[in-house]
Amino acid sequence: MLFVVFNRCFVRGDSNGVLSCLERERLEQELTEARSRGRNLSRLRNLTPFERAALEGRERGAQARLKDHDAEHGCQR
């Protein structure tokens, strides 16, 4: 595996020449986890308004960090 820096992002290259920004991957994973957690908890039981607001805030924060990263580094997929 090859690591390089592209547009101030650490990028991983694979044998096919595909580049992937490690920070963007981490932020995507964070967003996926936030969405999954909210979805799974709401399936298990009714959430309180406070819990729902906290989960929605977590998801909005993850989306904002990903959007900011994309805007700053231009490494969208």
PDB file of N, CA and C in Angstrom:
ATOM      1  N   MET A   1       0.840  -1.167   0.000  1.00  0.00           N
ATOM      2  CA  MET A   1       0.000   0.000   0.000  1.00  0.00           C
ATOM      3  C   MET A   1       0.888   1.234   0.000  1.00  0.00           C
ATOM      4  N   LEU A   2       0.508   2.208  -0.763  1.00  0.00           N
ATOM      5  CA  LEU A   2       1.282   3.424  -0.944  1.00  0.00           C
ATOM      6  C   LEU A   2       0.539   4.592  -0.316  1.00  0.00           C
ATOM      7  N   PHE A   3       1.247   5.394   0.486  1.00  0.00           N
ATOM      8  CA  PHE A   3       0.663   6.606   1.056  1.00  0.00           C
ATOM      9  C   PHE A   3       1.370   7.816   0.454  1.00  0.00           C
ATOM     10  N   VAL A   4       0.597   8.773   0.021  1.00  0.00           N
ATOM     11  CA  VAL A   4       1.126  10.019  -0.521  1.00  0.00           C
ATOM     12  C   VAL A   4       0.303  11.163   0.054  1.00  0.00           C
ATOM     13  N   VAL A   5       0.768  12.372  -0.152  1.00  0.00           N
ATOM     14  CA  VAL A   5       0.006  13.549   0.258  1.00  0.00           C
ATOM     15  C   VAL A   5      -0.479  14.238  -0.999  1.00  0.00           C
ATOM     16  N   PHE A   6      -1.782  14.455  -1.066  1.00  0.00           N
ATOM     17  CA  PHE A   6      -2.391  15.128  -2.199  1.00  0.00           C
ATOM     18  C   PHE A   6      -3.320  16.198  -1.653  1.00  0.00           C
ATOM     19  N   ASN A   7      -3.088  17.428  -2.030  1.00  0.00           N
ATOM     20  CA  ASN A   7      -3.944  18.535  -1.610  1.00  0.00           C
ATOM     21  C   ASN A   7      -4.080  18.578  -0.084  1.00  0.00           C
ATOM     22  N   ARG A   8      -2.971  18.384   0.610  1.00  0.00           N
ATOM     23  CA  ARG A   8      -2.848  18.402   2.072  1.00  0.00           C
ATOM     24  C   ARG A   8      -3.567  17.252   2.748  1.00  0.00           C
ATOM     25  N   CYS A   9      -3.934  16.194   2.025  1.00  0.00           N
ATOM     26  CA  CYS A   9      -4.587  15.013   2.596  1.00  0.00           C
ATOM     27  C   CYS A   9      -3.666  13.813   2.418  1.00  0.00           C
ATOM     28  N   PHE A  10      -3.602  12.967   3.444  1.00  0.00           N
ATOM     29  CA  PHE A  10      -2.921  11.700   3.268  1.00  0.00           C
ATOM     30  C   PHE A  10      -3.810  10.825   2.417  1.00  0.00           C
ATOM     31  N   VAL A  11      -3.248  10.300   1.356  1.00  0.00           N
ATOM     32  CA  VAL A  11      -4.014   9.528   0.393  1.00  0.00           C
ATOM     33  C   VAL A  11      -3.392   8.149   0.273  1.00  0.00           C
ATOM     34  N   ARG A  12      -4.254   7.160   0.242  1.00  0.00           N
ATOM     35  CA  ARG A  12      -3.812   5.783   0.095  1.00  0.00           C
ATOM     36  C   ARG A  12      -4.059   5.356  -1.344  1.00  0.00           C
ATOM     37  N   GLY A  13      -3.072   4.761  -1.957  1.00  0.00           N
ATOM     38  CA  GLY A  13      -3.220   4.241  -3.303  1.00  0.00           C
ATOM     39  C   GLY A  13      -3.214   2.725  -3.264  1.00  0.00           C
ATOM     40  N   ASP A  14      -4.021   2.102  -4.109  1.00  0.00           N
ATOM     41  CA  ASP A  14      -4.003   0.643  -4.170  1.00  0.00           C
ATOM     42  C   ASP A  14      -3.361   0.186  -5.480  1.00  0.00           C
ATOM     43  N   SER A  15      -3.351  -1.096  -5.685  1.00  0.00           N
ATOM     44  CA  SER A  15      -2.684  -1.645  -6.873  1.00  0.00           C
ATOM     45  C   SER A  15      -3.354  -1.232  -8.170  1.00  0.00           C
ATOM     46  N   ASN A  16      -4.607  -0.799  -8.109  1.00  0.00           N
ATOM     47  CA  ASN A  16      -5.327  -0.362  -9.306  1.00  0.00           C
ATOM     48  C   ASN A  16      -5.113   1.118  -9.597  1.00  0.00           C
ATOM     49  N   GLY A  17      -4.342   1.784  -8.758  1.00  0.00           N
ATOM     50  CA  GLY A  17      -4.086   3.200  -8.954  1.00  0.00           C
ATOM     51  C   GLY A  17      -5.181   4.103  -8.408  1.00  0.00           C
ATOM     52  N   VAL A  18      -6.120   3.541  -7.644  1.00  0.00           N
ATOM     53  CA  VAL A  18      -7.214   4.327  -7.072  1.00  0.00           C
ATOM     54  C   VAL A  18      -6.703   5.021  -5.816  1.00  0.00           C
ATOM     55  N   LEU A  19      -6.937   6.325  -5.737  1.00  0.00           N
ATOM     56  CA  LEU A  19      -6.515   7.094  -4.578  1.00  0.00           C
ATOM     57  C   LEU A  19      -7.701   7.309  -3.651  1.00  0.00           C
ATOM     58  N   SER A  20      -7.429   7.264  -2.352  1.00  0.00           N
ATOM     59  CA  SER A  20      -8.480   7.431  -1.370  1.00  0.00           C
ATOM     60  C   SER A  20      -7.944   8.269  -0.216  1.00  0.00           C
ATOM     61  N   CYS A  21      -8.617   9.355   0.105  1.00  0.00           N
ATOM     62  CA  CYS A  21      -8.218  10.238   1.196  1.00  0.00           C
ATOM     63  C   CYS A  21      -8.567   9.566   2.526  1.00  0.00           C
ATOM     64  N   LEU A  22      -7.586   9.388   3.381  1.00  0.00           N
ATOM     65  CA  LEU A  22      -7.797   8.707   4.654  1.00  0.00           C
ATOM     66  C   LEU A  22      -8.702   9.492   5.586  1.00  0.00           C
ATOM     67  N   GLU A  23      -8.555  10.803   5.617  1.00  0.00           N
ATOM     68  CA  GLU A  23      -9.400  11.629   6.477  1.00  0.00           C
ATOM     69  C   GLU A  23     -10.840  11.597   5.997  1.00  0.00           C
ATOM     70  N   ARG A  24     -11.041  11.629   4.691  1.00  0.00           N
ATOM     71  CA  ARG A  24     -12.406  11.560   4.158  1.00  0.00           C
ATOM     72  C   ARG A  24     -13.029  10.210   4.485  1.00  0.00           C
ATOM     73  N   GLU A  25     -12.271   9.145   4.383  1.00  0.00           N
ATOM     74  CA  GLU A  25     -12.775   7.825   4.750  1.00  0.00           C
ATOM     75  C   GLU A  25     -13.203   7.797   6.207  1.00  0.00           C
ATOM     76  N   ARG A  26     -12.398   8.411   7.083  1.00  0.00           N
ATOM     77  CA  ARG A  26     -12.712   8.441   8.510  1.00  0.00           C
ATOM     78  C   ARG A  26     -13.994   9.238   8.744  1.00  0.00           C
ATOM     79  N   LEU A  27     -14.127  10.374   8.071  1.00  0.00           N
ATOM     80  CA  LEU A  27     -15.318  11.203   8.228  1.00  0.00           C
ATOM     81  C   LEU A  27     -16.567  10.511   7.676  1.00  0.00           C
ATOM     82  N   GLU A  28     -16.423   9.796   6.569  1.00  0.00           N
ATOM     83  CA  GLU A  28     -17.550   9.024   6.029  1.00  0.00           C
ATOM     84  C   GLU A  28     -17.975   7.941   7.010  1.00  0.00           C
ATOM     85  N   GLN A  29     -16.993   7.284   7.625  1.00  0.00           N
ATOM     86  CA  GLN A  29     -17.297   6.243   8.608  1.00  0.00           C
ATOM     87  C   GLN A  29     -18.006   6.837   9.818  1.00  0.00           C
ATOM     88  N   GLU A  30     -17.567   8.004  10.254  1.00  0.00           N
ATOM     89  CA  GLU A  30     -18.202   8.688  11.378  1.00  0.00           C
ATOM     90  C   GLU A  30     -19.662   9.006  11.057  1.00  0.00           C
ATOM     91  N   LEU A  31     -19.928   9.491   9.837  1.00  0.00           N
ATOM     92  CA  LEU A  31     -21.291   9.794   9.422  1.00  0.00           C
ATOM     93  C   LEU A  31     -22.135   8.516   9.350  1.00  0.00           C
ATOM     94  N   THR A  32     -21.592   7.470   8.793  1.00  0.00           N
ATOM     95  CA  THR A  32     -22.305   6.193   8.709  1.00  0.00           C
ATOM     96  C   THR A  32     -22.654   5.673  10.095  1.00  0.00           C
ATOM     97  N   GLU A  33     -21.714   5.760  11.029  1.00  0.00           N
ATOM     98  CA  GLU A  33     -21.966   5.299  12.391  1.00  0.00           C
ATOM     99  C   GLU A  33     -23.044   6.132  13.071  1.00  0.00           C
ATOM    100  N   ALA A  34     -23.024   7.445  12.864  1.00  0.00           N
ATOM    101  CA  ALA A  34     -24.041   8.316  13.459  1.00  0.00           C
ATOM    102  C   ALA A  34     -25.424   7.965  12.917  1.00  0.00           C
ATOM    103  N   ARG A  35     -25.516   7.756  11.614  1.00  0.00           N
ATOM    104  CA  ARG A  35     -26.806   7.398  11.009  1.00  0.00           C
ATOM    105  C   ARG A  35     -27.278   6.028  11.497  1.00  0.00           C
ATOM    106  N   SER A  36     -26.371   5.080  11.529  1.00  0.00           N
ATOM    107  CA  SER A  36     -26.726   3.722  11.949  1.00  0.00           C
ATOM    108  C   SER A  36     -27.172   3.698  13.403  1.00  0.00           C
ATOM    109  N   ARG A  37     -26.468   4.430  14.250  1.00  0.00           N
ATOM    110  CA  ARG A  37     -26.826   4.458  15.668  1.00  0.00           C
ATOM    111  C   ARG A  37     -28.237   5.006  15.857  1.00  0.00           C
ATOM    112  N   GLY A  38     -28.545   6.106  15.203  1.00  0.00           N
ATOM    113  CA  GLY A  38     -29.883   6.673  15.312  1.00  0.00           C
ATOM    114  C   GLY A  38     -30.950   5.730  14.781  1.00  0.00           C
ATOM    115  N   ARG A  39     -30.694   5.135  13.653  1.00  0.00           N
ATOM    116  CA  ARG A  39     -31.650   4.203  13.046  1.00  0.00           C
ATOM    117  C   ARG A  39     -31.867   2.986  13.947  1.00  0.00           C
ATOM    118  N   ASN A  40     -30.777   2.423  14.452  1.00  0.00           N
ATOM    119  CA  ASN A  40     -30.888   1.221  15.285  1.00  0.00           C
ATOM    120  C   ASN A  40     -31.584   1.506  16.610  1.00  0.00           C
ATOM    121  N   LEU A  41     -31.245   2.609  17.251  1.00  0.00           N
ATOM    122  CA  LEU A  41     -31.897   2.934  18.516  1.00  0.00           C
ATOM    123  C   LEU A  41     -33.383   3.207  18.332  1.00  0.00           C
ATOM    124  N   SER A  42     -33.754   3.885  17.250  1.00  0.00           N
ATOM    125  CA  SER A  42     -35.169   4.179  17.030  1.00  0.00           C
ATOM    126  C   SER A  42     -35.961   2.917  16.691  1.00  0.00           C
ATOM    127  N   ARG A  43     -35.301   1.905  16.177  1.00  0.00           N
ATOM    128  CA  ARG A  43     -35.976   0.628  15.924  1.00  0.00           C
ATOM    129  C   ARG A  43     -36.218  -0.135  17.228  1.00  0.00           C
ATOM    130  N   LEU A  44     -35.318   0.040  18.182  1.00  0.00           N
ATOM    131  CA  LEU A  44     -35.433  -0.689  19.439  1.00  0.00           C
ATOM    132  C   LEU A  44     -36.510  -0.126  20.361  1.00  0.00           C
ATOM    133  N   ARG A  45     -36.642   1.201  20.365  1.00  0.00           N
ATOM    134  CA  ARG A  45     -37.585   1.829  21.288  1.00  0.00           C
ATOM    135  C   ARG A  45     -37.876   3.244  20.824  1.00  0.00           C
ATOM    136  N   ASN A  46     -38.897   3.813  21.444  1.00  0.00           N
ATOM    137  CA  ASN A  46     -39.200   5.224  21.174  1.00  0.00           C
ATOM    138  C   ASN A  46     -38.158   6.081  21.874  1.00  0.00           C
ATOM    139  N   LEU A  47     -37.588   7.005  21.134  1.00  0.00           N
ATOM    140  CA  LEU A  47     -36.570   7.883  21.697  1.00  0.00           C
ATOM    141  C   LEU A  47     -37.224   9.104  22.330  1.00  0.00           C
ATOM    142  N   THR A  48     -36.601   9.588  23.382  1.00  0.00           N
ATOM    143  CA  THR A  48     -37.068  10.833  23.983  1.00  0.00           C
ATOM    144  C   THR A  48     -36.686  11.979  23.051  1.00  0.00           C
ATOM    145  N   PRO A  49     -37.365  13.090  23.164  1.00  0.00           N
ATOM    146  CA  PRO A  49     -36.991  14.245  22.326  1.00  0.00           C
ATOM    147  C   PRO A  49     -35.518  14.639  22.522  1.00  0.00           C
ATOM    148  N   PHE A  50     -35.037  14.546  23.749  1.00  0.00           N
ATOM    149  CA  PHE A  50     -33.629  14.872  24.021  1.00  0.00           C
ATOM    150  C   PHE A  50     -32.690  13.908  23.297  1.00  0.00           C
ATOM    151  N   GLU A  51     -32.998  12.601  23.350  1.00  0.00           N
ATOM    152  CA  GLU A  51     -32.166  11.611  22.663  1.00  0.00           C
ATOM    153  C   GLU A  51     -32.191  11.822  21.155  1.00  0.00           C
ATOM    154  N   ARG A  52     -33.393  12.062  20.621  1.00  0.00           N
ATOM    155  CA  ARG A  52     -33.522  12.275  19.172  1.00  0.00           C
ATOM    156  C   ARG A  52     -32.721  13.508  18.745  1.00  0.00           C
ATOM    157  N   ALA A  53     -32.817  14.586  19.521  1.00  0.00           N
ATOM    158  CA  ALA A  53     -32.082  15.812  19.199  1.00  0.00           C
ATOM    159  C   ALA A  53     -30.579  15.574  19.259  1.00  0.00           C
ATOM    160  N   ALA A  54     -30.117  14.811  20.247  1.00  0.00           N
ATOM    161  CA  ALA A  54     -28.689  14.518  20.371  1.00  0.00           C
ATOM    162  C   ALA A  54     -28.196  13.693  19.182  1.00  0.00           C
ATOM    163  N   LEU A  55     -28.965  12.695  18.783  1.00  0.00           N
ATOM    164  CA  LEU A  55     -28.575  11.863  17.641  1.00  0.00           C
ATOM    165  C   LEU A  55     -28.586  12.664  16.341  1.00  0.00           C
ATOM    166  N   GLU A  56     -29.601  13.504  16.172  1.00  0.00           N
ATOM    167  CA  GLU A  56     -29.664  14.343  14.967  1.00  0.00           C
ATOM    168  C   GLU A  56     -28.510  15.348  14.953  1.00  0.00           C
ATOM    169  N   GLY A  57     -28.161  15.881  16.113  1.00  0.00           N
ATOM    170  CA  GLY A  57     -27.033  16.804  16.202  1.00  0.00           C
ATOM    171  C   GLY A  57     -25.723  16.127  15.852  1.00  0.00           C
ATOM    172  N   ARG A  58     -25.579  14.892  16.308  1.00  0.00           N
ATOM    173  CA  ARG A  58     -24.369  14.129  15.988  1.00  0.00           C
ATOM    174  C   ARG A  58     -24.259  13.893  14.478  1.00  0.00           C
ATOM    175  N   GLU A  59     -25.391  13.558  13.861  1.00  0.00           N
ATOM    176  CA  GLU A  59     -25.383  13.323  12.418  1.00  0.00           C
ATOM    177  C   GLU A  59     -25.108  14.622  11.651  1.00  0.00           C
ATOM    178  N   ARG A  60     -25.748  15.709  12.056  1.00  0.00           N
ATOM    179  CA  ARG A  60     -25.504  17.002  11.396  1.00  0.00           C
ATOM    180  C   ARG A  60     -24.047  17.425  11.533  1.00  0.00           C
ATOM    181  N   GLY A  61     -23.467  17.186  12.711  1.00  0.00           N
ATOM    182  CA  GLY A  61     -22.058  17.523  12.926  1.00  0.00           C
ATOM    183  C   GLY A  61     -21.144  16.723  12.011  1.00  0.00           C
ATOM    184  N   ALA A  62     -21.431  15.428  11.880  1.00  0.00           N
ATOM    185  CA  ALA A  62     -20.623  14.574  11.010  1.00  0.00           C
ATOM    186  C   ALA A  62     -20.752  15.013   9.552  1.00  0.00           C
ATOM    187  N   GLN A  63     -21.974  15.375   9.144  1.00  0.00           N
ATOM    188  CA  GLN A  63     -22.181  15.860   7.777  1.00  0.00           C
ATOM    189  C   GLN A  63     -21.423  17.157   7.545  1.00  0.00           C
ATOM    190  N   ALA A  64     -21.456  18.039   8.525  1.00  0.00           N
ATOM    191  CA  ALA A  64     -20.771  19.333   8.386  1.00  0.00           C
ATOM    192  C   ALA A  64     -19.261  19.149   8.293  1.00  0.00           C
ATOM    193  N   ARG A  65     -18.705  18.257   9.115  1.00  0.00           N
ATOM    194  CA  ARG A  65     -17.249  18.010   9.058  1.00  0.00           C
ATOM    195  C   ARG A  65     -16.848  17.427   7.706  1.00  0.00           C
ATOM    196  N   LEU A  66     -17.649  16.526   7.180  1.00  0.00           N
ATOM    197  CA  LEU A  66     -17.361  15.944   5.869  1.00  0.00           C
ATOM    198  C   LEU A  66     -17.468  17.007   4.781  1.00  0.00           C
ATOM    199  N   LYS A  67     -18.495  17.831   4.845  1.00  0.00           N
ATOM    200  CA  LYS A  67     -18.675  18.903   3.854  1.00  0.00           C
ATOM    201  C   LYS A  67     -17.522  19.904   3.929  1.00  0.00           C
ATOM    202  N   ASP A  68     -17.117  20.267   5.142  1.00  0.00           N
ATOM    203  CA  ASP A  68     -15.993  21.195   5.314  1.00  0.00           C
ATOM    204  C   ASP A  68     -14.701  20.607   4.756  1.00  0.00           C
ATOM    205  N   HIS A  69     -14.483  19.333   5.005  1.00  0.00           N
ATOM    206  CA  HIS A  69     -13.280  18.676   4.495  1.00  0.00           C
ATOM    207  C   HIS A  69     -13.284  18.690   2.969  1.00  0.00           C
ATOM    208  N   ASP A  70     -14.432  18.351   2.381  1.00  0.00           N
ATOM    209  CA  ASP A  70     -14.534  18.348   0.919  1.00  0.00           C
ATOM    210  C   ASP A  70     -14.285  19.739   0.344  1.00  0.00           C
ATOM    211  N   ALA A  71     -14.853  20.755   0.995  1.00  0.00           N
ATOM    212  CA  ALA A  71     -14.680  22.124   0.506  1.00  0.00           C
ATOM    213  C   ALA A  71     -13.223  22.572   0.623  1.00  0.00           C
ATOM    214  N   GLU A  72     -12.581  22.194   1.707  1.00  0.00           N
ATOM    215  CA  GLU A  72     -11.202  22.624   1.934  1.00  0.00           C
ATOM    216  C   GLU A  72     -10.194  21.878   1.064  1.00  0.00           C
ATOM    217  N   HIS A  73     -10.420  20.590   0.868  1.00  0.00           N
ATOM    218  CA  HIS A  73      -9.431  19.772   0.178  1.00  0.00           C
ATOM    219  C   HIS A  73      -9.859  19.309  -1.209  1.00  0.00           C
ATOM    220  N   GLY A  74     -11.141  19.387  -1.507  1.00  0.00           N
ATOM    221  CA  GLY A  74     -11.616  19.003  -2.827  1.00  0.00           C
ATOM    222  C   GLY A  74     -11.425  17.541  -3.139  1.00  0.00           C
ATOM    223  N   CYS A  75     -11.591  16.682  -2.147  1.00  0.00           N
ATOM    224  CA  CYS A  75     -11.344  15.250  -2.390  1.00  0.00           C
ATOM    225  C   CYS A  75     -12.639  14.439  -2.345  1.00  0.00           C
ATOM    226  N   GLN A  76     -13.735  15.007  -2.893  1.00  0.00           N
ATOM    227  CA  GLN A  76     -14.970  14.255  -2.976  1.00  0.00           C
ATOM    228  C   GLN A  76     -14.774  13.057  -3.892  1.00  0.00           C
ATOM    229  N   ARG A  77     -15.623  12.097  -3.698  1.00  0.00           N
ATOM    230  CA  ARG A  77     -15.548  10.921  -4.572  1.00  0.00           C
ATOM    231  C   ARG A  77     -16.246  11.212  -5.876  1.00  0.00           C
TER     232      ARG A  77
END
